[in-house]
Amino acid sequence: MDDIAAEMNDATVGQLKAIIERIERLEEEKKSLAEDVRDVYAEAKANGFDTKVLRHLVALRKQDIDERKEHGEILDLYLSALGMVI
């Protein structure tokens, strides 16, 4: 292990350190954002919204409209096959 460290020049070590520090900062930001999202869902729940449905809506909005339609049609087909038509 010391051989590898000895082979790395100062510039490479500096670059490695900078990369690791950037990753650590981004991981902290990601953690903070996840906490913010949890807070928003908690607020929504406190205001009477169903958070499970909200999460589903967020996922649906990420999908392409054609993909969403296709999934809806397949879901309808499966529900019909199981006698669960609404």
C-alpha atoms as a PDB file:
ATOM      1  CA  MET A   1       0.000   0.000   0.000  1.00  0.00           C
ATOM      2  CA  ASP A   2       2.843   2.378   0.828  1.00  0.00           C
ATOM      3  CA  ASP A   3       4.342   1.620  -2.592  1.00  0.00           C
ATOM      4  CA  ILE A   4       1.191   2.875  -4.294  1.00  0.00           C
ATOM      5  CA  ALA A   5       1.129   6.035  -2.189  1.00  0.00           C
ATOM      6  CA  ALA A   6       4.801   6.606  -2.935  1.00  0.00           C
ATOM      7  CA  GLU A   7       4.155   6.340  -6.677  1.00  0.00           C
ATOM      8  CA  MET A   8       1.460   9.009  -6.601  1.00  0.00           C
ATOM      9  CA  ASN A   9       2.792  12.490  -7.139  1.00  0.00           C
ATOM     10  CA  ASP A  10       1.555  15.469  -5.173  1.00  0.00           C
ATOM     11  CA  ALA A  11      -0.755  16.577  -7.989  1.00  0.00           C
ATOM     12  CA  THR A  12      -2.428  13.169  -8.141  1.00  0.00           C
ATOM     13  CA  VAL A  13      -2.829  13.034  -4.371  1.00  0.00           C
ATOM     14  CA  GLY A  14      -4.303  16.543  -4.424  1.00  0.00           C
ATOM     15  CA  GLN A  15      -6.710  15.589  -7.200  1.00  0.00           C
ATOM     16  CA  LEU A  16      -7.778  12.446  -5.308  1.00  0.00           C
ATOM     17  CA  LYS A  17      -8.345  14.448  -2.138  1.00  0.00           C
ATOM     18  CA  ALA A  18     -10.393  17.057  -4.024  1.00  0.00           C
ATOM     19  CA  ILE A  19     -12.577  14.348  -5.578  1.00  0.00           C
ATOM     20  CA  ILE A  20     -13.213  12.694  -2.220  1.00  0.00           C
ATOM     21  CA  GLU A  21     -14.068  16.044  -0.605  1.00  0.00           C
ATOM     22  CA  ARG A  22     -16.499  16.888  -3.437  1.00  0.00           C
ATOM     23  CA  ILE A  23     -18.210  13.523  -3.023  1.00  0.00           C
ATOM     24  CA  GLU A  24     -18.472  14.066   0.723  1.00  0.00           C
ATOM     25  CA  ARG A  25     -20.000  17.533   0.220  1.00  0.00           C
ATOM     26  CA  LEU A  26     -22.497  16.186  -2.299  1.00  0.00           C
ATOM     27  CA  GLU A  27     -23.444  13.321   0.038  1.00  0.00           C
ATOM     28  CA  GLU A  28     -24.115  15.889   2.782  1.00  0.00           C
ATOM     29  CA  GLU A  29     -26.234  17.969   0.392  1.00  0.00           C
ATOM     30  CA  LYS A  30     -28.123  14.843  -0.653  1.00  0.00           C
ATOM     31  CA  LYS A  31     -28.791  14.003   3.008  1.00  0.00           C
ATOM     32  CA  SER A  32     -30.014  17.544   3.650  1.00  0.00           C
ATOM     33  CA  LEU A  33     -32.291  17.460   0.599  1.00  0.00           C
ATOM     34  CA  ALA A  34     -33.725  14.093   1.655  1.00  0.00           C
ATOM     35  CA  GLU A  35     -34.544  15.593   5.045  1.00  0.00           C
ATOM     36  CA  ASP A  36     -36.229  18.552   3.324  1.00  0.00           C
ATOM     37  CA  VAL A  37     -38.334  16.185   1.204  1.00  0.00           C
ATOM     38  CA  ARG A  38     -39.365  14.256   4.328  1.00  0.00           C
ATOM     39  CA  ASP A  39     -40.377  17.545   5.940  1.00  0.00           C
ATOM     40  CA  VAL A  40     -42.555  18.457   2.952  1.00  0.00           C
ATOM     41  CA  TYR A  41     -44.274  15.062   3.054  1.00  0.00           C
ATOM     42  CA  ALA A  42     -44.825  15.488   6.810  1.00  0.00           C
ATOM     43  CA  GLU A  43     -46.346  18.910   6.163  1.00  0.00           C
ATOM     44  CA  ALA A  44     -48.584  17.449   3.464  1.00  0.00           C
ATOM     45  CA  LYS A  45     -49.701  14.677   5.826  1.00  0.00           C
ATOM     46  CA  ALA A  46     -50.446  17.247   8.552  1.00  0.00           C
ATOM     47  CA  ASN A  47     -52.654  19.047   6.036  1.00  0.00           C
ATOM     48  CA  GLY A  48     -54.649  15.875   5.319  1.00  0.00           C
ATOM     49  CA  PHE A  49     -52.960  14.656   2.142  1.00  0.00           C
ATOM     50  CA  ASP A  50     -52.227  10.966   1.593  1.00  0.00           C
ATOM     51  CA  THR A  51     -48.435  10.808   1.302  1.00  0.00           C
ATOM     52  CA  LYS A  52     -48.469   7.416  -0.415  1.00  0.00           C
ATOM     53  CA  VAL A  53     -50.592   8.891  -3.191  1.00  0.00           C
ATOM     54  CA  LEU A  54     -48.382  11.993  -3.341  1.00  0.00           C
ATOM     55  CA  ARG A  55     -45.297   9.782  -3.808  1.00  0.00           C
ATOM     56  CA  HIS A  56     -47.112   7.933  -6.592  1.00  0.00           C
ATOM     57  CA  LEU A  57     -48.026  11.232  -8.264  1.00  0.00           C
ATOM     58  CA  VAL A  58     -44.403  12.393  -8.110  1.00  0.00           C
ATOM     59  CA  ALA A  59     -43.307   9.121  -9.744  1.00  0.00           C
ATOM     60  CA  LEU A  60     -45.975   9.452 -12.443  1.00  0.00           C
ATOM     61  CA  ARG A  61     -44.917  13.013 -13.254  1.00  0.00           C
ATOM     62  CA  LYS A  62     -41.373  11.760 -13.865  1.00  0.00           C
ATOM     63  CA  GLN A  63     -42.611   9.372 -16.555  1.00  0.00           C
ATOM     64  CA  ASP A  64     -43.002  10.192 -20.204  1.00  0.00           C
ATOM     65  CA  ILE A  65     -46.695  10.642 -21.098  1.00  0.00           C
ATOM     66  CA  ASP A  66     -46.644   7.691 -23.517  1.00  0.00           C
ATOM     67  CA  GLU A  67     -45.004   5.465 -20.924  1.00  0.00           C
ATOM     68  CA  ARG A  68     -47.579   6.575 -18.359  1.00  0.00           C
ATOM     69  CA  LYS A  69     -50.449   5.791 -20.747  1.00  0.00           C
ATOM     70  CA  GLU A  70     -48.998   2.371 -21.548  1.00  0.00           C
ATOM     71  CA  HIS A  71     -48.618   1.511 -17.864  1.00  0.00           C
ATOM     72  CA  GLY A  72     -52.174   2.678 -17.224  1.00  0.00           C
ATOM     73  CA  GLU A  73     -53.522   0.492 -20.012  1.00  0.00           C
ATOM     74  CA  ILE A  74     -51.608  -2.532 -18.734  1.00  0.00           C
ATOM     75  CA  LEU A  75     -52.828  -1.859 -15.193  1.00  0.00           C
ATOM     76  CA  ASP A  76     -56.423  -1.655 -16.463  1.00  0.00           C
ATOM     77  CA  LEU A  77     -55.947  -4.937 -18.353  1.00  0.00           C
ATOM     78  CA  TYR A  78     -54.561  -6.687 -15.285  1.00  0.00           C
ATOM     79  CA  LEU A  79     -57.319  -5.299 -13.042  1.00  0.00           C
ATOM     80  CA  SER A  80     -59.939  -6.483 -15.519  1.00  0.00           C
ATOM     81  CA  ALA A  81     -58.369  -9.945 -15.733  1.00  0.00           C
ATOM     82  CA  LEU A  82     -58.537 -10.190 -11.936  1.00  0.00           C
ATOM     83  CA  GLY A  83     -62.141  -8.973 -11.845  1.00  0.00           C
ATOM     84  CA  MET A  84     -61.123  -5.795 -10.059  1.00  0.00           C
ATOM     85  CA  VAL A  85     -62.606  -3.300 -12.511  1.00  0.00           C
ATOM     86  CA  ILE A  86     -63.510  -0.071 -10.784  1.00  0.00           C
END
